[in-house]
Protein backbone atom coordinates (compact mmCIF):
# COMPACT_ATOMS: atom_id res chain seq x y z
CA UNK A 1 -65.77 1.00 -11.24
CA UNK A 2 -63.36 -0.01 -8.43
CA UNK A 3 -64.78 0.03 -4.96
CA UNK A 4 -63.04 -0.16 -1.61
CA UNK A 5 -64.16 -1.97 1.51
CA UNK A 6 -62.25 0.60 3.62
CA UNK A 7 -63.52 4.08 4.40
CA UNK A 8 -60.08 5.72 4.23
CA UNK A 9 -56.87 5.08 2.33
CA UNK A 10 -53.54 4.29 4.00
CA UNK A 11 -50.42 6.02 2.74
CA UNK A 12 -46.83 4.81 3.03
CA UNK A 13 -46.33 7.49 5.69
CA UNK A 14 -49.34 6.15 7.61
CA UNK A 15 -47.62 2.76 7.53
CA UNK A 16 -44.57 4.28 9.21
CA UNK A 17 -42.26 5.18 6.33
CA UNK A 18 -41.63 8.92 5.90
CA UNK A 19 -40.10 9.50 2.45
CA UNK A 20 -39.90 13.25 3.08
CA UNK A 21 -37.65 12.59 6.09
CA UNK A 22 -35.48 10.35 3.91
CA UNK A 23 -35.15 13.07 1.30
CA UNK A 24 -34.26 15.61 3.99
CA UNK A 25 -31.53 13.30 5.28
CA UNK A 26 -30.00 12.91 1.81
CA UNK A 27 -29.79 16.68 1.46
CA UNK A 28 -28.12 16.89 4.90
CA UNK A 29 -25.44 14.32 4.10
CA UNK A 30 -24.58 15.35 0.53
CA UNK A 31 -22.17 18.13 1.62
CA UNK A 32 -20.59 15.77 4.18
CA UNK A 33 -19.98 13.13 1.52
CA UNK A 34 -18.62 15.76 -0.86
CA UNK A 35 -15.75 16.45 1.57
CA UNK A 36 -14.60 12.84 1.17
CA UNK A 37 -14.34 12.86 -2.63
CA UNK A 38 -11.04 11.77 -4.13
CA UNK A 39 -9.52 10.91 -7.48
CA UNK A 40 -11.36 8.00 -9.08
CA UNK A 41 -14.93 8.82 -8.07
CA UNK A 42 -17.07 8.86 -11.23
CA UNK A 43 -20.52 8.81 -9.63
CA UNK A 44 -21.41 9.05 -5.98
CA UNK A 45 -24.45 9.55 -3.77
CA UNK A 46 -27.79 9.89 -5.55
CA UNK A 47 -27.58 7.26 -8.27
CA UNK A 48 -28.55 3.60 -8.24
CA UNK A 49 -24.90 2.60 -8.08
CA UNK A 50 -21.65 4.38 -7.26
CA UNK A 51 -18.77 4.20 -9.72
CA UNK A 52 -15.05 4.33 -9.06
CA UNK A 53 -12.10 4.14 -11.46
CA UNK A 54 -8.90 2.66 -10.05
CA UNK A 55 -6.03 5.10 -10.40
CA UNK A 56 -3.45 4.56 -13.15
CA UNK A 57 -0.75 4.82 -10.46
CA UNK A 58 -1.42 1.12 -9.80
CA UNK A 59 0.30 -1.08 -12.38
CA UNK A 60 -1.18 -4.38 -11.13
CA UNK A 61 -3.96 -3.37 -8.73
CA UNK A 62 -5.47 -5.98 -6.47
CA UNK A 63 -8.76 -4.98 -4.83
CA UNK A 64 -9.13 -5.69 -1.12
CA UNK A 65 -12.55 -5.54 0.52
CA UNK A 66 -13.77 -5.47 4.08
CA UNK A 67 -17.13 -5.23 5.85
CA UNK A 68 -18.08 -4.84 9.48
CA UNK A 69 -20.42 -3.24 12.01
CA UNK A 70 -20.07 -1.53 15.38
CA UNK A 71 -21.51 -4.27 17.56
CA UNK A 72 -23.14 -3.68 20.93
CA UNK A 73 -21.31 -0.37 21.37
CA UNK A 74 -24.46 0.94 19.69
CA UNK A 75 -26.44 0.03 22.81
CA UNK A 76 -24.47 2.62 24.78
CA UNK A 77 -24.89 5.15 21.95
CA UNK A 78 -28.66 4.75 22.32
CA UNK A 79 -28.63 4.84 26.12
CA UNK A 80 -26.28 7.81 26.41
CA UNK A 81 -27.52 9.65 23.30
CA UNK A 82 -23.96 9.73 21.86
CA UNK A 83 -24.28 9.24 18.11
CA UNK A 84 -21.56 11.48 16.67
CA UNK A 85 -18.63 9.05 16.74
CA UNK A 86 -20.05 5.56 16.08
CA UNK A 87 -19.80 6.34 12.36
CA UNK A 88 -16.04 6.76 12.78
CA UNK A 89 -15.99 3.34 14.46
CA UNK A 90 -17.85 1.87 11.50
CA UNK A 91 -15.34 3.19 8.97
CA UNK A 92 -12.33 2.30 11.09
CA UNK A 93 -13.32 -1.33 11.50
CA UNK A 94 -13.24 -1.85 7.74
CA UNK A 95 -10.45 0.49 6.60
CA UNK A 96 -8.05 -0.78 9.29
CA UNK A 97 -8.75 -4.35 8.13
CA UNK A 98 -8.10 -3.43 4.48
CA UNK A 99 -4.91 -1.65 5.53
CA UNK A 100 -3.51 -4.88 7.01
CA UNK A 101 -3.08 -6.26 3.47
CA UNK A 102 -1.09 -3.14 2.61
CA UNK A 103 -4.03 -1.66 0.73
CA UNK A 104 -5.05 1.97 0.41
CA UNK A 105 -8.78 2.36 1.12
CA UNK A 106 -10.53 3.80 -1.94
CA UNK A 107 -14.23 4.01 -1.20
CA UNK A 108 -16.81 3.19 1.45
CA UNK A 109 -20.55 2.47 1.53
CA UNK A 110 -22.77 2.36 4.60
CA UNK A 111 -26.09 0.80 5.59
CA UNK A 112 -28.19 2.56 8.25
CA UNK A 113 -31.41 0.83 9.31
CA UNK A 114 -34.02 1.96 11.81
CA UNK A 115 -37.68 1.59 12.72
CA UNK A 116 -38.51 5.29 12.45
CA UNK A 117 -36.08 7.74 10.87
CA UNK A 118 -34.89 10.54 13.14
CA UNK A 119 -33.14 12.87 10.69
CA UNK A 120 -30.99 14.54 13.36
CA UNK A 121 -29.73 11.23 14.77
CA UNK A 122 -29.14 9.74 11.33
CA UNK A 123 -27.30 12.87 10.20
CA UNK A 124 -25.07 12.71 13.29
CA UNK A 125 -24.24 9.06 12.64
CA UNK A 126 -23.58 9.53 8.93
CA UNK A 127 -21.62 12.68 9.71
CA UNK A 128 -19.30 10.46 11.75
CA UNK A 129 -19.03 8.07 8.80
CA UNK A 130 -18.07 10.95 6.53
CA UNK A 131 -15.50 12.16 9.08
CA UNK A 132 -13.98 8.67 9.30
CA UNK A 133 -13.74 8.49 5.52
CA UNK A 134 -12.16 11.95 5.34
CA UNK A 135 -9.56 11.05 7.98
CA UNK A 136 -8.62 7.86 6.13
CA UNK A 137 -8.60 9.32 2.59
CA UNK A 138 -11.53 7.15 1.59
CA UNK A 139 -14.48 8.38 -0.49
CA UNK A 140 -18.01 7.94 0.89
CA UNK A 141 -19.68 7.25 -2.44
CA UNK A 142 -22.93 5.56 -1.51
CA UNK A 143 -25.07 3.89 1.08
CA UNK A 144 -28.57 2.89 2.08
CA UNK A 145 -30.90 4.33 4.70
CA UNK A 146 -33.69 1.87 5.47
CA UNK A 147 -36.74 2.84 7.51
CA UNK A 148 -38.50 -0.37 8.57
CA UNK A 149 -41.37 0.07 11.04
CA UNK A 150 -41.59 -2.72 13.57
CA UNK A 151 -38.09 -4.07 12.94
CA UNK A 152 -36.25 -2.06 15.62
CA UNK A 153 -37.20 -0.69 19.05
CA UNK A 154 -37.91 3.04 19.21
CA UNK A 155 -34.71 5.09 19.20
CA UNK A 156 -32.50 2.26 17.98
CA UNK A 157 -30.76 1.61 14.67
CA UNK A 158 -28.21 -0.72 13.15
CA UNK A 159 -25.08 0.04 11.15
CA UNK A 160 -22.98 -1.86 8.66
CA UNK A 161 -20.24 -0.70 6.32
CA UNK A 162 -18.26 -1.91 3.34
CA UNK A 163 -14.86 -0.72 2.12
CA UNK A 164 -12.81 -1.43 -1.00
CA UNK A 165 -9.09 -0.70 -1.21
CA UNK A 166 -6.29 -1.39 -3.66
CA UNK A 167 -2.70 -2.57 -3.39
CA UNK A 168 -0.01 -3.36 -5.94
CA UNK A 169 0.12 -7.13 -6.42
CA UNK A 170 3.86 -7.11 -5.67
CA UNK A 171 3.31 -5.24 -2.39
CA UNK A 172 0.55 -7.34 -0.80
CA UNK A 173 1.26 -8.01 2.88
CA UNK A 174 0.50 -11.59 3.86
CA UNK A 175 3.13 -12.27 6.52
CA UNK A 176 4.74 -15.04 4.47
CA UNK A 177 8.27 -13.68 5.01
CA UNK A 178 7.93 -13.12 8.76
CA UNK A 179 10.78 -14.95 10.49
CA UNK A 180 12.24 -15.53 13.96
CA UNK A 181 14.13 -12.46 15.12
CA UNK A 182 11.69 -9.97 13.60
CA UNK A 183 10.48 -7.23 15.93
CA UNK A 184 6.86 -6.76 16.96
CA UNK A 185 5.81 -3.12 17.32
CA UNK A 186 2.49 -2.02 18.75
CA UNK A 187 0.54 1.15 17.97
CA UNK A 188 -1.59 2.41 20.82
CA UNK A 189 -5.36 2.18 20.60
CA UNK A 190 -7.64 5.10 21.42
CA UNK A 191 -9.65 2.97 23.83
CA UNK A 192 -11.84 -0.11 23.61
CA UNK A 193 -12.48 0.60 19.90
CA UNK A 194 -15.48 -1.52 18.78
CA UNK A 195 -14.95 -4.95 20.32
CA UNK A 196 -15.69 -6.38 23.73
CA UNK A 197 -18.65 -4.13 24.45
CA UNK A 198 -20.86 -6.93 25.70
CA UNK A 199 -18.38 -7.22 28.58
CA UNK A 200 -18.00 -3.43 28.86
CA UNK A 201 -21.76 -3.12 29.32
CA UNK A 202 -21.72 -5.88 31.95
CA UNK A 203 -19.00 -3.97 33.83
CA UNK A 204 -21.06 -0.78 33.73
CA UNK A 205 -24.08 -2.72 35.00
CA UNK A 206 -22.02 -4.31 37.78
CA UNK A 207 -20.60 -0.95 38.88
CA UNK A 208 -24.09 0.55 39.16
CA UNK A 209 -23.88 4.09 40.49
CA UNK A 210 -20.22 3.66 41.45
CA UNK A 211 -18.82 4.65 38.05
CA UNK A 212 -15.60 6.65 37.75
CA UNK A 213 -16.05 10.36 37.06
CA UNK A 214 -13.28 10.24 34.49
CA UNK A 215 -10.67 7.89 33.06
CA UNK A 216 -7.46 8.85 31.24
CA UNK A 217 -8.34 12.52 31.58
CA UNK A 218 -11.74 12.21 29.89
CA UNK A 219 -15.27 12.03 31.30
CA UNK A 220 -16.20 8.38 31.82
CA UNK A 221 -18.72 8.14 28.99
CA UNK A 222 -16.38 9.84 26.54
CA UNK A 223 -13.54 7.49 27.50
CA UNK A 224 -15.77 4.47 26.88
CA UNK A 225 -17.18 5.79 23.58
CA UNK A 226 -13.88 7.14 22.18
CA UNK A 227 -13.94 6.10 18.50
CA UNK A 228 -11.66 3.50 16.98
CA UNK A 229 -8.33 4.95 15.92
CA UNK A 230 -7.79 5.28 12.16
CA UNK A 231 -4.28 4.06 11.37
CA UNK A 232 -4.51 4.34 7.59
CA UNK A 233 -2.60 7.48 6.65
CA UNK A 234 0.27 7.02 9.11
CA UNK A 235 0.79 3.34 8.37
CA UNK A 236 0.57 3.83 4.60
CA UNK A 237 3.27 6.51 4.92
CA UNK A 238 5.45 4.07 6.87
CA UNK A 239 4.83 1.29 4.35
CA UNK A 240 6.09 3.57 1.59
CA UNK A 241 9.56 3.86 3.14
CA UNK A 242 10.05 0.81 5.40
CA UNK A 243 10.03 -2.96 4.60
CA UNK A 244 7.16 -3.84 6.95
CA UNK A 245 6.45 -7.58 6.76
CA UNK A 246 3.03 -7.87 8.39
CA UNK A 247 0.28 -5.89 10.08
CA UNK A 248 -2.45 -7.11 12.44
CA UNK A 249 -5.57 -5.12 13.34
CA UNK A 250 -6.37 -5.96 16.96
CA UNK A 251 -10.13 -6.48 17.07
CA UNK A 252 -12.31 -9.24 18.55
CA UNK A 253 -10.03 -11.88 20.04
CA UNK A 254 -7.46 -9.30 21.10
CA UNK A 255 -3.71 -9.72 20.74
CA UNK A 256 -3.84 -13.46 21.32
CA UNK A 257 -6.08 -14.30 18.38
CA UNK A 258 -5.30 -11.60 15.84
CA UNK A 259 -1.50 -11.67 15.67
CA UNK A 260 -1.41 -15.38 14.69
CA UNK A 261 -3.55 -14.59 11.62
CA UNK A 262 -0.49 -12.96 9.99
CA UNK A 263 2.22 -15.36 11.16
CA UNK A 264 3.64 -18.22 9.04
CA UNK A 265 3.27 -21.73 10.37
CA UNK A 266 5.95 -22.60 12.88
CA UNK A 267 6.38 -19.08 14.26
CA UNK A 268 5.07 -17.34 17.36
CA UNK A 269 5.05 -13.84 18.80
CA UNK A 270 6.76 -13.53 22.17
CA UNK A 271 5.52 -10.32 23.80
CA UNK A 272 7.07 -8.82 26.92
CA UNK A 273 4.52 -8.22 29.66
CA UNK A 274 4.51 -4.56 30.66
CA UNK A 275 6.15 -3.38 27.43
CA UNK A 276 3.13 -1.19 26.83
CA UNK A 277 1.11 0.71 29.45
CA UNK A 278 -2.34 -0.28 30.61
CA UNK A 279 -4.66 2.72 30.52
CA UNK A 280 -6.98 3.63 33.38
CA UNK A 281 -9.93 2.49 31.24
CA UNK A 282 -8.56 -1.01 30.74
CA UNK A 283 -7.42 -1.23 34.36
CA UNK A 284 -10.98 -0.35 35.46
CA UNK A 285 -12.49 -2.93 33.11
CA UNK A 286 -10.12 -5.65 34.33
CA UNK A 287 -10.75 -4.88 37.99
CA UNK A 288 -14.53 -4.59 37.57
CA UNK A 289 -14.82 -7.75 35.48
CA UNK A 290 -12.42 -9.62 37.78
CA UNK A 291 -10.53 -11.23 34.90
CA UNK A 292 -6.86 -12.18 34.52
CA UNK A 293 -4.31 -10.85 32.03
CA UNK A 294 -4.89 -13.75 29.65
CA UNK A 295 -8.60 -12.99 29.37
CA UNK A 296 -7.90 -9.25 28.97
CA UNK A 297 -5.56 -9.90 26.04
CA UNK A 298 -8.08 -12.25 24.46
CA UNK A 299 -11.15 -10.01 24.89
CA UNK A 300 -9.91 -6.45 24.34
CA UNK A 301 -7.18 -4.74 22.34
CA UNK A 302 -5.92 -3.85 25.87
CA UNK A 303 -4.19 -0.71 24.63
CA UNK A 304 -2.74 -1.89 21.29
CA UNK A 305 -4.86 -1.35 18.19
CA UNK A 306 -2.42 -2.26 15.42
CA UNK A 307 0.63 -4.53 15.39
CA UNK A 308 3.56 -4.09 13.00
CA UNK A 309 6.08 -6.87 12.30
CA UNK A 310 9.39 -5.79 10.77
CA UNK A 311 13.00 -6.95 10.44
CA UNK A 312 15.06 -5.98 13.49
CA UNK A 313 17.44 -3.89 11.38
CA UNK A 314 14.59 -1.57 10.32
CA UNK A 315 12.48 -1.57 13.48
CA UNK A 316 13.88 1.59 15.09
CA UNK A 317 13.55 3.62 11.90
CA UNK A 318 9.97 2.46 11.31
CA UNK A 319 9.06 3.20 14.92
CA UNK A 320 10.46 6.73 14.55
CA UNK A 321 8.49 7.36 11.35
CA UNK A 322 5.27 6.25 13.02
CA UNK A 323 5.98 8.20 16.21
CA UNK A 324 6.80 11.36 14.24
CA UNK A 325 3.43 10.97 12.49
CA UNK A 326 1.64 10.96 15.84
CA UNK A 327 1.38 7.29 16.78
CA UNK A 328 2.31 6.05 20.25
CA UNK A 329 4.67 3.18 19.39
CA UNK A 330 5.84 0.38 21.69
CA UNK A 331 8.29 -2.46 21.12
CA UNK A 332 6.22 -5.41 22.26
CA UNK A 333 8.60 -8.30 21.61
CA UNK A 334 9.95 -10.56 18.89
CA UNK A 335 9.00 -13.38 16.57
CA UNK A 336 10.38 -16.78 17.59
CA UNK A 337 10.11 -20.40 16.55
CA UNK A 338 6.82 -21.73 17.83
CA UNK A 339 7.77 -25.18 19.06
CA UNK A 340 4.99 -26.69 21.15
CA UNK A 341 3.92 -23.39 22.69
CA UNK A 342 1.14 -20.93 21.91
CA UNK A 343 1.17 -18.67 18.83
CA UNK A 344 1.31 -15.62 21.11
CA UNK A 345 3.09 -15.69 24.45
CA UNK A 346 2.92 -12.75 26.84
CA UNK A 347 5.38 -13.05 29.68
């Protein structure tokens, strides 16, 4: 006979893991994920692995993958109890990266980890993930919700995401044919997106109680938390009809560090200062942080979330296509021979 040295048993729930709450969350998110389904999904949420069949429309499909998180923007989501849009940020950070190679995002998986599962908060976050997938034509086919007592402070969670896209081998964008004389177009960002929030939070701390009531026509907190813009559908439509040579997603490192990633050796981007407007949000951040233009363009997207490089002969037509689709498009400058200068010059 087995005996126990303890008077009472300890269940998994007693240890801090509530499987009933996890089951309730799955039921809440199933209809949200269902809205994101697209051709190719063979098995989605609920199994041990999700399955996807690449469409026959691709003759020589190359898979492109991307993974990312939301960074310290989550700290403000916790503090301000604003959880509905960080899921959109999560999706955007990966699908916009995949897009840069010319790829169409196919499916997305997420990882949500917390100390104690709050079903309402988790459902709000994953609802944002589903919305981001829906807006970018990407299927949410799986994920993981991990409840780990003692790993995270009360009320906090972490997010990570993973996206797979596909592009015809002959249509991969790698910037190899970018040449001096090409035009650099910029697509406006929706705000800070998901990079630079360690500095954003420092600015908020420095301002104390002297925060703006609103910026760019939105309440201050909404302006700061505005989700990352999803460029996928509009840019894919432009790629289908215009000979775009390169794309750059402007994330950590800003314009100065992301544009060079898609430029051939020996070339540089010469951007015209003032060719795109600085929003009230970025003006407030620059003033509060007390930093110069160089640091702004190296820390934040500073108003430009995606850069398009195209031959001068096709630039106006591509800009019109993107503008007609709803993008705010600016002609930022041109590609030039690099010489001894920097890879990106703003002046």
